[in-house]
């Protein structure tokens, strides 16, 4: 077969062996013995195997010509042709809230590079020095302000510093209030936590993800259009998704964005790189909206303020009850494998994606010995149900091993 009008058709080994046998018969006569026990038969088998390997190579070369069927380095070469490169795994970013005792003569200094971690070993290092000197206060749910103290009434100072995970990967996107362990000794230190989820951690881009991004770049070239800006932002290392609201009217839109404005929502990536790329693809008269503000330089080296927002993360709690066959189910490794496979599914979700209840059964059945599965999920432990979870179009559903509970029954 080989190359046909329907593309490259790979013949089977038996079909190739039949063709080789026919050649032997053509040149050496009908009475030649081509059984495997004879030298002629063995030789025919060897030639057929070599020919089969060449056919497989031919098919691989043919598939490498197309984005949809190529993989690995061949797929990367397609991306390179248009300036698209496979994204490597990235670290996660988080803001740490740190409290310390107040000592005006000896302020608490948290040096850059100080490590804090979660109870299960995810480590984060601060990116800048934090100096804590003044007593702090907090506002309660009723709007009343109180001095910040420890349980004995000692005054506390409070500050916030950015930190980055020591390891790369999606698993480093830990949930709020889980970074609570000081890995390094800091004089005067009292407590640490993260009020929001860590974000931006991603695994290395898979072939499927890279292929989709190449196809999107072919359809929506980075430009001043809405789709073009989203594509340009998604090409930034560490960015897993972006969404742009362009209000081209002369009134506030339904989201509260002012007239003639652009409001960008991003997951992952570096603030400065996002702002620079965003600015480079905006029309000159665009007004940007968002809580994050970054100053970039225009072509005349004059500062321009660029604003955007980070997508809000929504924690997803998942309870899995397994009925298993104890003779086949590996209680030591199987629960962790199931958690890993659930997180792999969730890592592919983008802003506004529904968490589909039915999609969680495949990861639960992915190990040997599972006979029956019951699953509930929710945005809190008090709202668990057997239903899909919907989030806002600018929210990202996320989870972690700590939020996945697995109960095993025999």
Protein backbone atom coordinates (compact mmCIF):
# COMPACT_ATOMS: atom_id res chain seq x y z
CA UNK A 1 0.00 0.00 0.00
CA UNK A 2 2.10 2.93 1.21
CA UNK A 3 1.17 6.30 -0.29
CA UNK A 4 -2.39 6.31 -1.71
CA UNK A 5 -5.07 8.82 -2.65
CA UNK A 6 -6.35 8.45 0.92
CA UNK A 7 -3.01 9.23 2.52
CA UNK A 8 -0.36 6.85 3.78
CA UNK A 9 -1.81 3.36 4.32
CA UNK A 10 0.37 1.13 6.49
CA UNK A 11 0.33 -2.50 5.33
CA UNK A 12 0.35 -5.25 7.93
CA UNK A 13 3.36 -7.50 8.40
CA UNK A 14 1.42 -10.46 6.97
CA UNK A 15 0.58 -8.47 3.82
CA UNK A 16 4.23 -7.51 3.37
CA UNK A 17 5.34 -11.14 3.96
CA UNK A 18 2.90 -12.29 1.28
CA UNK A 19 4.36 -9.79 -1.20
CA UNK A 20 7.93 -10.90 -0.40
CA UNK A 21 6.95 -14.56 -0.76
CA UNK A 22 5.45 -13.80 -4.17
CA UNK A 23 8.74 -12.22 -5.27
CA UNK A 24 10.65 -15.34 -4.20
CA UNK A 25 8.20 -17.49 -6.17
CA UNK A 26 8.48 -15.20 -9.20
CA UNK A 27 12.28 -15.45 -9.34
CA UNK A 28 12.89 -18.97 -7.96
CA UNK A 29 9.86 -20.92 -9.06
CA UNK A 30 6.65 -22.36 -7.68
CA UNK A 31 8.37 -25.25 -5.93
CA UNK A 32 10.42 -23.09 -3.51
CA UNK A 33 9.79 -23.93 0.16
CA UNK A 34 9.06 -20.71 2.05
CA UNK A 35 8.08 -22.21 5.40
CA UNK A 36 9.78 -20.71 8.45
CA UNK A 37 11.86 -23.83 8.94
CA UNK A 38 13.70 -23.32 5.67
CA UNK A 39 16.48 -20.83 4.92
CA UNK A 40 14.45 -19.31 2.08
CA UNK A 41 11.47 -18.89 4.41
CA UNK A 42 13.61 -17.37 7.15
CA UNK A 43 15.13 -14.96 4.64
CA UNK A 44 11.65 -13.97 3.39
CA UNK A 45 10.60 -13.32 6.99
CA UNK A 46 13.65 -11.13 7.65
CA UNK A 47 13.09 -9.10 4.48
CA UNK A 48 9.40 -8.68 5.36
CA UNK A 49 10.30 -7.42 8.87
CA UNK A 50 12.81 -4.91 7.47
CA UNK A 51 10.26 -3.75 4.88
CA UNK A 52 7.63 -3.36 7.64
CA UNK A 53 10.00 -1.17 9.65
CA UNK A 54 10.61 0.99 6.57
CA UNK A 55 6.85 1.31 6.03
CA UNK A 56 6.41 2.44 9.65
CA UNK A 57 9.17 5.00 9.15
CA UNK A 58 7.46 6.21 5.97
CA UNK A 59 4.16 6.59 7.80
CA UNK A 60 5.86 8.49 10.65
CA UNK A 61 7.50 10.88 8.17
CA UNK A 62 4.14 11.38 6.44
CA UNK A 63 2.36 12.13 9.75
CA UNK A 64 5.13 14.54 10.79
CA UNK A 65 4.15 16.75 7.84
CA UNK A 66 0.88 17.74 9.54
CA UNK A 67 0.20 19.53 12.83
CA UNK A 68 -2.77 17.32 13.72
CA UNK A 69 -0.84 14.06 13.43
CA UNK A 70 2.72 15.03 14.39
CA UNK A 71 4.09 14.68 17.91
CA UNK A 72 7.16 15.33 20.02
CA UNK A 73 10.02 17.16 18.31
CA UNK A 74 8.21 17.10 14.96
CA UNK A 75 5.29 19.00 16.50
CA UNK A 76 7.71 21.46 18.11
CA UNK A 77 9.23 22.11 14.67
CA UNK A 78 5.79 23.11 13.35
CA UNK A 79 5.53 25.60 16.22
CA UNK A 80 9.02 26.94 15.64
CA UNK A 81 8.03 27.89 12.09
CA UNK A 82 5.62 30.50 13.52
CA UNK A 83 7.57 31.39 16.65
CA UNK A 84 5.68 29.09 19.04
CA UNK A 85 7.73 27.01 21.48
CA UNK A 86 6.73 24.33 23.95
CA UNK A 87 6.21 25.80 27.41
CA UNK A 88 8.29 24.30 30.20
CA UNK A 89 7.01 23.66 33.71
CA UNK A 90 6.71 26.87 35.73
CA UNK A 91 6.82 27.75 39.42
CA UNK A 92 3.84 29.02 41.37
CA UNK A 93 3.51 32.56 42.78
CA UNK A 94 1.81 33.60 45.99
CA UNK A 95 1.51 36.53 48.40
CA UNK A 96 2.49 35.61 51.96
CA UNK A 97 1.05 37.45 54.96
CA UNK A 98 3.63 37.44 57.74
CA UNK A 99 3.07 38.49 61.36
CA UNK A 100 5.84 39.26 63.84
CA UNK A 101 6.30 40.65 67.35
CA UNK A 102 6.91 44.39 67.62
CA UNK A 103 10.33 45.54 68.85
CA UNK A 104 11.20 49.08 67.63
CA UNK A 105 14.84 48.66 68.64
CA UNK A 106 15.16 45.31 66.92
CA UNK A 107 12.69 45.08 63.97
CA UNK A 108 11.87 41.74 62.42
CA UNK A 109 13.54 41.36 59.04
CA UNK A 110 12.51 38.55 56.71
CA UNK A 111 15.35 38.31 54.16
CA UNK A 112 14.74 37.62 50.48
CA UNK A 113 14.95 33.87 49.92
CA UNK A 114 13.41 32.95 53.28
CA UNK A 115 11.51 29.70 52.88
CA UNK A 116 8.00 28.92 54.10
CA UNK A 117 6.03 25.79 53.35
CA UNK A 118 2.88 23.72 53.64
CA UNK A 119 2.40 20.86 56.06
CA UNK A 120 2.92 18.37 53.23
CA UNK A 121 6.20 19.85 52.01
CA UNK A 122 5.52 22.42 49.27
CA UNK A 123 8.21 25.08 49.73
CA UNK A 124 8.09 28.77 48.77
CA UNK A 125 10.88 31.38 48.94
CA UNK A 126 10.29 35.11 49.40
CA UNK A 127 11.33 37.34 46.49
CA UNK A 128 12.16 40.48 48.50
CA UNK A 129 13.13 41.55 51.98
CA UNK A 130 10.27 42.34 54.36
CA UNK A 131 10.81 44.63 57.37
CA UNK A 132 8.21 44.62 60.15
CA UNK A 133 8.32 47.43 62.72
CA UNK A 134 4.90 48.96 63.45
CA UNK A 135 1.95 47.48 65.37
CA UNK A 136 -0.82 46.42 63.00
CA UNK A 137 -4.59 46.30 63.22
CA UNK A 138 -7.38 44.38 61.55
CA UNK A 139 -11.03 45.01 60.74
CA UNK A 140 -13.64 42.51 61.92
CA UNK A 141 -16.70 41.39 59.96
CA UNK A 142 -18.69 44.25 61.46
CA UNK A 143 -16.26 46.85 60.18
CA UNK A 144 -14.73 47.59 63.60
CA UNK A 145 -10.95 47.99 63.83
CA UNK A 146 -8.91 46.14 66.48
CA UNK A 147 -5.20 46.03 67.32
CA UNK A 148 -3.47 42.89 66.04
CA UNK A 149 -2.17 40.81 68.99
CA UNK A 150 -1.26 37.27 69.91
CA UNK A 151 -3.45 35.32 72.33
CA UNK A 152 -1.65 36.94 75.28
CA UNK A 153 -2.28 40.48 74.06
CA UNK A 154 1.23 41.17 72.74
CA UNK A 155 1.24 43.60 69.80
CA UNK A 156 1.99 42.19 66.36
CA UNK A 157 3.24 43.72 63.11
CA UNK A 158 1.96 42.49 59.73
CA UNK A 159 3.30 42.66 56.21
CA UNK A 160 2.91 41.01 52.81
CA UNK A 161 5.65 39.73 50.52
CA UNK A 162 5.66 37.85 47.23
CA UNK A 163 7.04 34.32 47.13
CA UNK A 164 7.71 31.69 44.47
CA UNK A 165 7.58 27.91 44.77
CA UNK A 166 10.88 26.06 44.92
CA UNK A 167 9.56 23.39 42.55
CA UNK A 168 7.72 23.76 39.26
CA UNK A 169 4.40 22.18 38.37
CA UNK A 170 0.64 22.40 38.70
CA UNK A 171 0.79 20.72 42.13
CA UNK A 172 2.52 23.83 43.53
CA UNK A 173 -0.74 25.83 43.19
CA UNK A 174 -1.58 25.24 46.85
CA UNK A 175 -4.87 26.30 48.41
CA UNK A 176 -5.44 29.37 50.65
CA UNK A 177 -4.17 29.26 54.24
CA UNK A 178 -1.96 26.21 53.66
CA UNK A 179 1.49 27.88 53.72
CA UNK A 180 1.83 28.01 57.50
CA UNK A 181 5.28 26.55 58.27
CA UNK A 182 8.46 28.63 58.66
CA UNK A 183 11.33 26.59 57.22
CA UNK A 184 14.00 29.14 58.26
CA UNK A 185 14.57 30.76 61.65
CA UNK A 186 13.54 34.45 61.67
CA UNK A 187 13.90 36.50 64.83
CA UNK A 188 10.57 37.87 66.06
CA UNK A 189 8.52 35.72 63.66
CA UNK A 190 4.99 34.84 64.81
CA UNK A 191 2.92 33.42 61.93
CA UNK A 192 2.63 33.11 58.16
CA UNK A 193 -0.21 32.26 55.81
CA UNK A 194 -1.42 32.76 52.24
CA UNK A 195 -4.84 34.38 52.04
CA UNK A 196 -5.26 33.37 48.38
CA UNK A 197 -4.31 30.32 46.35
CA UNK A 198 -0.86 30.11 44.82
CA UNK A 199 -1.19 30.46 41.06
CA UNK A 200 0.86 30.15 37.89
CA UNK A 201 2.39 26.75 38.53
CA UNK A 202 2.08 24.56 35.46
CA UNK A 203 3.40 21.27 34.15
CA UNK A 204 5.37 21.13 30.93
CA UNK A 205 3.10 21.60 27.94
CA UNK A 206 1.80 18.33 26.51
CA UNK A 207 1.64 17.56 22.80
CA UNK A 208 -2.13 18.13 22.87
CA UNK A 209 -1.78 21.53 24.54
CA UNK A 210 1.03 22.62 22.21
CA UNK A 211 -0.90 21.42 19.16
CA UNK A 212 -4.00 23.37 20.19
CA UNK A 213 -1.93 26.52 20.77
CA UNK A 214 -0.26 26.23 17.34
CA UNK A 215 -3.68 25.85 15.70
CA UNK A 216 -5.04 28.85 17.64
CA UNK A 217 -2.04 30.95 16.56
CA UNK A 218 -2.71 29.96 12.95
CA UNK A 219 -6.35 31.06 13.25
CA UNK A 220 -5.84 34.11 15.48
CA UNK A 221 -2.43 35.66 14.88
CA UNK A 222 -1.32 37.91 17.79
CA UNK A 223 -2.69 41.33 16.88
CA UNK A 224 -4.78 44.27 18.09
CA UNK A 225 -8.00 42.25 17.86
CA UNK A 226 -9.63 40.67 20.93
CA UNK A 227 -8.68 37.14 19.85
CA UNK A 228 -5.22 38.31 18.79
CA UNK A 229 -4.50 39.85 22.21
CA UNK A 230 -5.71 36.71 24.01
CA UNK A 231 -3.46 34.59 21.78
CA UNK A 232 -0.44 36.82 22.45
CA UNK A 233 -0.96 36.61 26.22
CA UNK A 234 -1.43 32.82 26.12
CA UNK A 235 1.96 32.49 24.39
CA UNK A 236 3.74 33.91 27.47
CA UNK A 237 5.64 31.36 29.56
CA UNK A 238 3.60 30.37 32.61
CA UNK A 239 0.30 31.71 31.29
CA UNK A 240 -2.30 28.96 31.07
CA UNK A 241 -5.30 31.07 30.04
CA UNK A 242 -6.37 34.64 29.26
CA UNK A 243 -9.69 36.35 28.63
CA UNK A 244 -10.25 39.87 27.31
CA UNK A 245 -13.40 41.97 27.66
CA UNK A 246 -13.35 44.78 25.09
CA UNK A 247 -15.98 47.47 25.65
CA UNK A 248 -16.16 49.31 22.34
CA UNK A 249 -19.30 51.23 23.24
CA UNK A 250 -19.68 54.71 24.70
CA UNK A 251 -21.30 53.40 27.92
CA UNK A 252 -20.30 51.19 30.81
CA UNK A 253 -20.77 47.53 29.90
CA UNK A 254 -22.59 44.86 31.93
CA UNK A 255 -19.39 44.13 33.87
CA UNK A 256 -18.93 47.76 34.92
CA UNK A 257 -16.06 48.43 32.51
CA UNK A 258 -15.91 52.06 31.30
CA UNK A 259 -16.45 53.08 27.65
CA UNK A 260 -13.71 52.26 25.12
CA UNK A 261 -11.79 50.04 27.56
CA UNK A 262 -10.09 46.65 27.66
CA UNK A 263 -10.24 44.41 30.73
CA UNK A 264 -7.81 41.48 30.68
CA UNK A 265 -8.01 38.46 33.00
CA UNK A 266 -4.97 36.18 33.19
CA UNK A 267 -3.93 32.92 34.85
CA UNK A 268 -0.18 32.55 35.51
CA UNK A 269 2.76 34.39 33.99
CA UNK A 270 4.94 37.32 35.04
CA UNK A 271 3.25 40.71 35.65
CA UNK A 272 5.82 42.73 33.71
CA UNK A 273 5.87 40.36 30.73
CA UNK A 274 2.06 40.28 30.63
CA UNK A 275 1.81 44.08 30.79
CA UNK A 276 4.47 44.54 28.09
CA UNK A 277 2.88 42.03 25.71
CA UNK A 278 -0.57 43.49 26.41
CA UNK A 279 0.65 47.03 25.66
CA UNK A 280 2.41 45.95 22.47
CA UNK A 281 -0.87 44.61 21.04
CA UNK A 282 -3.29 47.29 22.24
CA UNK A 283 -4.65 50.02 20.00
CA UNK A 284 -3.15 53.43 20.92
CA UNK A 285 -6.42 54.80 22.38
CA UNK A 286 -7.24 51.81 24.60
CA UNK A 287 -7.92 52.30 28.32
CA UNK A 288 -6.99 49.29 30.43
CA UNK A 289 -8.90 48.19 33.52
CA UNK A 290 -7.84 46.04 36.49
CA UNK A 291 -6.44 45.90 40.01
CA UNK A 292 -2.89 45.05 38.93
CA UNK A 293 -0.98 48.08 37.65
CA UNK A 294 2.35 47.88 35.81
CA UNK A 295 4.29 50.74 34.24
CA UNK A 296 5.75 50.08 30.78
CA UNK A 297 7.60 52.35 28.36
CA UNK A 298 6.20 53.35 24.99
CA UNK A 299 8.27 53.87 21.84
CA UNK A 300 9.25 57.35 23.06
CA UNK A 301 10.44 55.87 26.38
CA UNK A 302 7.55 57.52 28.23
CA UNK A 303 5.84 55.57 31.05
CA UNK A 304 2.38 54.13 30.39
CA UNK A 305 0.23 52.48 33.06
CA UNK A 306 -1.18 49.11 32.06
CA UNK A 307 -3.85 47.46 34.21
CA UNK A 308 -5.23 43.92 34.25
CA UNK A 309 -6.62 41.32 36.67
CA UNK A 310 -5.79 37.85 37.82
CA UNK A 311 -8.58 35.32 37.46
CA UNK A 312 -10.11 34.34 40.80
CA UNK A 313 -9.56 30.72 41.79
CA UNK A 314 -12.40 28.57 43.14
CA UNK A 315 -11.34 25.61 45.33
CA UNK A 316 -13.02 22.32 44.42
CA UNK A 317 -13.52 19.72 47.15
CA UNK A 318 -13.89 16.13 45.96
CA UNK A 319 -14.99 13.10 48.03
CA UNK A 320 -14.43 9.68 46.46
CA UNK A 321 -15.73 6.42 47.98
CA UNK A 322 -14.28 3.26 46.43
CA UNK A 323 -15.58 -0.28 46.76
CA UNK A 324 -12.61 -2.50 45.91
CA UNK A 325 -11.39 -6.04 45.51
CA UNK A 326 -8.66 -6.34 48.16
CA UNK A 327 -6.81 -8.98 46.14
CA UNK A 328 -6.22 -6.54 43.25
CA UNK A 329 -6.38 -3.08 44.81
CA UNK A 330 -3.05 -1.61 46.00
CA UNK A 331 -4.01 0.39 49.08
CA UNK A 332 -0.53 1.97 49.31
CA UNK A 333 -0.27 3.51 45.84
CA UNK A 334 -3.74 3.47 44.25
CA UNK A 335 -5.31 6.43 46.17
CA UNK A 336 -2.37 8.67 45.28
CA UNK A 337 -2.61 7.59 41.62
CA UNK A 338 -6.31 8.46 41.58
CA UNK A 339 -5.62 11.89 43.08
CA UNK A 340 -2.92 12.51 40.49
CA UNK A 341 -5.27 11.59 37.64
CA UNK A 342 -8.06 13.80 39.02
CA UNK A 343 -5.65 16.73 39.23
CA UNK A 344 -4.49 16.04 35.66
CA UNK A 345 -8.09 16.48 34.48
CA UNK A 346 -8.53 19.68 36.50
CA UNK A 347 -5.23 21.11 35.23
CA UNK A 348 -6.70 21.23 31.70
CA UNK A 349 -9.64 23.42 32.73
CA UNK A 350 -9.66 27.08 31.75
CA UNK A 351 -11.48 30.17 33.01
CA UNK A 352 -15.22 29.58 33.17
CA UNK A 353 -14.93 25.80 32.69
CA UNK A 354 -17.51 23.63 34.42
CA UNK A 355 -16.18 20.83 36.60
CA UNK A 356 -18.06 17.88 35.13
CA UNK A 357 -19.14 15.29 37.68
CA UNK A 358 -19.06 12.49 35.08
CA UNK A 359 -15.43 13.22 34.12
CA UNK A 360 -14.17 12.21 37.58
CA UNK A 361 -15.20 8.57 37.27
CA UNK A 362 -12.49 7.70 34.73
CA UNK A 363 -9.66 8.75 37.12
CA UNK A 364 -11.36 6.84 39.96
CA UNK A 365 -11.53 3.66 37.86
CA UNK A 366 -7.98 4.11 36.52
CA UNK A 367 -6.42 1.63 38.99
CA UNK A 368 -6.88 -2.12 39.32
CA UNK A 369 -9.35 -3.59 41.78
CA UNK A 370 -12.00 -0.83 41.81
CA UNK A 371 -15.50 -2.33 41.63
CA UNK A 372 -17.70 0.67 42.37
CA UNK A 373 -17.25 4.44 42.74
CA UNK A 374 -19.29 7.13 44.48
CA UNK A 375 -18.27 10.78 44.01
CA UNK A 376 -19.39 14.09 45.47
CA UNK A 377 -17.92 17.50 44.81
CA UNK A 378 -18.46 21.07 45.92
CA UNK A 379 -16.87 24.45 46.54
CA UNK A 380 -16.84 23.75 50.29
CA UNK A 381 -17.19 20.75 52.57
CA UNK A 382 -20.71 21.95 53.39
CA UNK A 383 -21.94 21.93 49.79
CA UNK A 384 -21.02 18.47 48.49
CA UNK A 385 -23.30 16.90 45.88
CA UNK A 386 -23.40 14.64 42.84
CA UNK A 387 -23.65 17.55 40.41
CA UNK A 388 -21.44 19.55 38.06
CA UNK A 389 -19.89 22.74 39.43
CA UNK A 390 -20.21 25.94 37.43
CA UNK A 391 -17.96 28.95 37.96
CA UNK A 392 -17.98 32.53 36.71
CA UNK A 393 -16.45 33.09 33.27
CA UNK A 394 -13.50 34.87 34.94
CA UNK A 395 -12.97 32.22 37.63
CA UNK A 396 -10.76 29.14 37.51
CA UNK A 397 -11.72 25.90 39.31
CA UNK A 398 -8.70 24.45 41.14
CA UNK A 399 -8.01 21.67 43.59
CA UNK A 400 -5.17 19.97 45.41
CA UNK A 401 -4.40 16.64 47.04
CA UNK A 402 -5.56 18.06 50.38
CA UNK A 403 -9.01 18.79 48.98
CA UNK A 404 -9.49 15.28 47.55
CA UNK A 405 -10.72 12.70 50.05
CA UNK A 406 -10.61 8.99 49.17
CA UNK A 407 -12.40 6.38 51.29
CA UNK A 408 -11.76 2.71 50.55
CA UNK A 409 -14.31 0.00 51.34
CA UNK A 410 -14.02 -3.73 50.78
